[in-house]
Each structure stands twice: as structure tokens, then as C-alpha cells.
Protein backbone atom coordinates (compact mmCIF):
# COMPACT_ATOMS: atom_id res chain seq x y z
CA MET A 1 -17.88 -17.75 -24.96
CA LYS A 2 -14.11 -17.36 -25.23
CA TYR A 3 -14.32 -13.65 -24.35
CA LEU A 4 -16.60 -14.37 -21.41
CA LEU A 5 -14.08 -16.85 -20.03
CA ILE A 6 -11.24 -14.32 -20.38
CA LEU A 7 -13.34 -11.64 -18.70
CA LEU A 8 -14.18 -13.93 -15.78
CA MET A 9 -10.50 -14.82 -15.34
CA LEU A 10 -9.55 -11.13 -15.26
CA LEU A 11 -12.25 -10.33 -12.70
CA GLN A 12 -11.11 -13.21 -10.49
CA THR A 13 -7.47 -12.05 -10.63
CA THR A 14 -8.45 -8.47 -9.82
CA ALA A 15 -10.61 -9.54 -6.89
CA PHE A 16 -7.78 -11.53 -5.31
CA ALA A 17 -5.26 -8.73 -5.88
CA GLN A 18 -7.33 -6.38 -3.72
CA ARG A 19 -6.99 -8.64 -0.65
CA LYS A 20 -3.25 -9.25 -0.88
CA LEU A 21 -1.44 -8.94 2.46
CA LYS A 22 2.23 -8.82 3.28
CA TYR A 23 3.71 -11.17 5.86
CA THR A 24 6.83 -11.78 7.88
CA ILE A 25 7.93 -14.76 9.96
CA SER A 26 9.33 -14.06 13.41
CA LYS A 27 12.80 -15.57 13.83
CA GLU A 28 12.29 -15.89 17.59
CA THR A 29 8.89 -17.59 17.67
CA GLY A 30 8.38 -18.83 14.12
CA ASP A 31 4.96 -17.12 14.05
CA THR A 32 3.67 -15.56 10.86
CA VAL A 33 2.52 -11.94 11.10
CA PHE A 34 0.29 -10.62 8.31
CA TYR A 35 -0.01 -6.87 7.70
CA THR A 36 -1.51 -4.35 5.30
CA ASN A 37 0.19 -1.57 3.40
CA ASP A 38 0.50 1.63 5.38
CA GLU A 39 -2.06 4.28 4.49
CA ARG A 40 -1.83 8.01 5.16
CA LEU A 41 -4.66 9.30 7.33
CA TYR A 42 -3.46 12.84 8.00
CA VAL A 43 -0.85 15.19 6.57
CA ALA A 44 0.01 18.83 7.28
CA ALA A 45 2.77 20.63 5.43
CA GLY A 46 5.78 21.99 7.28
CA ASP A 47 6.49 25.70 7.73
CA THR A 48 8.64 27.67 5.31
CA TYR A 49 11.05 30.27 6.63
CA GLY A 50 13.96 32.36 5.30
CA THR A 51 14.38 33.90 1.87
CA GLY A 52 16.43 33.38 -1.28
CA ASN A 53 19.13 30.72 -0.99
CA ASN A 54 18.46 30.46 2.77
CA LYS A 55 14.82 29.42 2.29
CA ARG A 56 14.07 26.26 4.31
CA THR A 57 11.05 24.10 5.02
CA THR A 58 10.49 22.29 8.31
CA VAL A 59 9.27 18.71 8.56
CA GLY A 60 5.51 18.35 8.19
CA ASP A 61 3.20 16.28 10.36
CA TYR A 62 1.64 13.02 9.27
CA LEU A 63 -0.18 9.99 10.63
CA LYS A 64 -0.21 6.64 8.82
CA SER A 65 -1.87 3.36 9.79
CA THR A 66 -1.15 -0.33 9.26
CA VAL A 67 -3.16 -3.27 10.57
CA LEU A 68 -1.32 -6.41 11.72
CA LYS A 69 -2.58 -9.87 12.58
CA SER A 70 -0.50 -12.35 14.56
CA PRO A 71 -1.43 -15.44 16.60
CA GLY A 72 -1.90 -13.03 19.54
CA GLY A 73 -4.61 -11.05 17.74
CA PHE A 74 -4.92 -7.78 15.84
CA ALA A 75 -2.87 -4.62 16.31
CA LEU A 76 -3.04 -1.14 14.82
CA GLU A 77 0.28 0.51 14.05
CA PHE A 78 0.46 4.28 13.86
CA SER A 79 3.42 5.88 12.14
CA ILE A 80 3.68 9.43 13.50
CA GLN A 81 5.93 12.20 12.27
CA THR A 82 6.02 15.68 13.73
CA GLY A 83 8.14 18.74 13.09
CA SER A 84 7.09 20.35 16.38
CA SER A 85 9.39 18.44 18.72
CA ASN A 86 12.67 16.57 18.68
CA SER A 87 11.82 14.27 21.57
CA PHE A 88 8.71 12.48 22.78
CA SER A 89 7.64 9.02 23.85
CA ILE A 90 4.50 6.94 23.89
CA TYR A 91 4.38 4.76 27.01
CA THR A 92 2.74 1.40 27.66
CA GLY A 93 -0.96 1.88 28.36
CA GLN A 94 -1.25 5.39 26.89
CA THR A 95 -4.27 5.64 24.64
CA ALA A 96 -5.07 6.43 21.07
CA LYS A 97 -8.68 7.65 20.96
CA LEU A 98 -10.64 7.15 17.77
CA GLN A 99 -13.77 9.28 17.58
CA MET A 100 -16.44 7.88 15.31
CA LYS A 101 -18.93 9.86 13.24
CA ASP A 102 -21.78 8.72 15.50
CA GLY A 103 -19.96 10.10 18.58
CA ALA A 104 -18.62 6.78 19.89
CA ILE A 105 -15.06 6.82 21.24
CA ILE A 106 -12.73 3.82 20.91
CA ASN A 107 -9.81 3.75 23.36
CA LEU A 108 -6.83 1.70 22.17
CA LEU A 109 -3.96 0.95 24.57
CA SER A 110 -0.32 1.20 23.56
CA ARG A 111 1.41 -2.19 23.69
CA ALA A 112 4.87 -0.99 24.81
CA ASN A 113 7.12 2.04 25.30
CA TYR A 114 8.04 3.77 22.06
CA THR A 115 10.58 6.60 21.82
CA ALA A 116 10.66 8.96 18.87
CA LYS A 117 13.73 9.08 16.66
CA LYS A 118 15.15 12.37 15.44
CA SER A 119 14.80 12.93 11.69
CA SER A 120 17.92 12.61 9.57
CA MET A 121 17.66 16.30 8.71
CA GLY A 122 18.10 17.22 12.36
CA TYR A 123 14.66 18.58 13.16
CA GLY A 124 11.36 16.90 13.79
CA SER A 125 10.92 13.30 14.87
CA TRP A 126 9.01 10.10 14.09
CA VAL A 127 7.84 7.00 15.89
CA PHE A 128 6.02 3.73 15.21
CA ALA A 129 3.55 2.80 17.95
CA PHE A 130 1.40 -0.34 18.20
CA TYR A 131 -2.07 -0.51 19.78
CA THR A 132 -4.15 -3.58 20.66
CA LEU A 133 -7.40 -4.00 18.72
CA SER A 134 -10.18 -5.84 20.58
CA ALA A 135 -12.96 -7.66 18.74
CA LYS A 136 -15.42 -4.94 19.82
CA ALA A 137 -13.15 -2.16 18.53
CA ILE A 138 -12.72 -3.97 15.20
CA GLU A 139 -16.50 -4.26 14.70
CA THR A 140 -17.08 -0.60 15.61
CA ILE A 141 -14.37 0.56 13.20
CA LYS A 142 -15.60 -1.70 10.37
CA ASN A 143 -19.16 -0.37 10.70
CA GLY A 144 -18.40 3.33 11.04
CA THR A 145 -16.33 6.31 10.00
CA ILE A 146 -13.49 7.76 12.07
CA THR A 147 -13.58 11.56 12.25
CA HIS A 148 -10.77 12.32 14.71
CA ILE A 149 -7.77 10.55 16.26
CA ARG A 150 -6.00 11.69 19.44
CA VAL A 151 -2.72 10.01 20.40
CA GLU A 152 -1.41 10.50 23.94
CA SER A 153 2.34 11.02 24.34
CA SER A 154 4.87 12.24 26.90
CA MET A 155 4.53 15.80 25.58
CA GLY A 156 0.74 15.87 25.49
CA SER A 157 -1.70 14.74 22.85
CA PHE A 158 -1.39 14.77 19.09
CA ASP A 159 -4.73 15.58 17.43
CA TYR A 160 -5.56 14.47 13.90
CA PRO A 161 -8.88 15.59 12.40
CA LEU A 162 -9.64 13.24 9.51
CA LYS A 163 -11.26 14.17 6.23
CA GLU A 164 -14.35 12.14 5.46
CA LYS A 165 -12.73 10.30 2.54
CA VAL A 166 -9.99 8.85 4.81
CA GLY A 167 -12.28 8.06 7.76
CA THR A 168 -12.86 4.50 6.50
CA ILE A 169 -9.25 3.60 5.63
CA ILE A 170 -8.64 1.59 8.82
CA ALA A 171 -11.96 -0.22 8.24
CA GLU A 172 -10.82 -1.12 4.73
CA GLN A 173 -7.50 -2.36 6.09
CA LEU A 174 -9.36 -4.58 8.60
CA LYS A 175 -11.63 -5.99 5.90
CA LYS A 176 -8.58 -7.38 4.07
CA PHE A 177 -8.29 -10.10 6.72
């Protein structure tokens, strides 16, 4: 009986640990914003050039996601890094298109203007962009698998084909709420 009680306590602790969210309180409004850990959806290694002591590697490309919940609703944050350009922006209303395995397309609108920052190494750039998640988009994502993400920017679109094992990461992030 004693061992059963200990086992049940461990299972309960583990179950709650899986749903843990981070939070911050806005100094301006006093609102609490809950958010998940960021998860990598896509990564591509940078290019290598030069030889010997002059061998260098450029910045790779990646896409990470975080889901946020505030009193205003849900948002999806994409963290984008690219070694292909030193300057680009994502403007208010530009879309991030999520293509689902069943062929459905979810269009998410950018919440504001976001300008990429140059990497500290002097090449490549990164940006954090936030997209509004509607109730319909949340349900579609939770019940499916994302196979491809296209993010519109000032220099064209960034395309991210997703491997099947990461196609449900955003759904898992949403389920934590």
C-alpha cells in the first residue's frame, strides 16, 4: 500500500510538470501573459567556405514557435533566423500560412511590424514575429499535422517544410493551456 501511494504521488507530480507554463506580468496593463517554451520546427545548417585557418561557417536558418495566451486571446510567435539576408521586415497583416497534412491552409495575420536584427557576428539576421490565433485555427491545428509553413516578408516568402515528427509541436503547445 505504501509503495502504491508513493507511485501515485510520483505520477501526479509528473503529470502536472508536463503542463507547466511560463508567465510574465505586463508593467503597463498589469495583465498576465502565459507562454510555452519555444520549440524548434525547422533547422538548416549554414554554408561552409574557405580552407585551413580561414574556414568559416555562415549562419544557418531556423524557425521556432511559442504559443502565448493573454486576456486578448492566443498568439503564435515565430522566431526566425536566416543567413541569406541582413535586412528584412514582416509587416502588419502579412500572413504565415500553415499547410496541414489534409491539404487545409491556415492563414495567420501578423500583429504588427517587425524588423529583423543583424546577428552579432555580422551576417544573417533574426526576428520575432507574432500572429493572431483564432478559435477555428486553434481547433484545426490541434486536430491535425502541419506539413509546411510559409512566412511572408518584405523580401519574399520564407518556406519551411516540416518533418512529420515536428508537425504536431504547435498542437502540443496549444494543448498545454
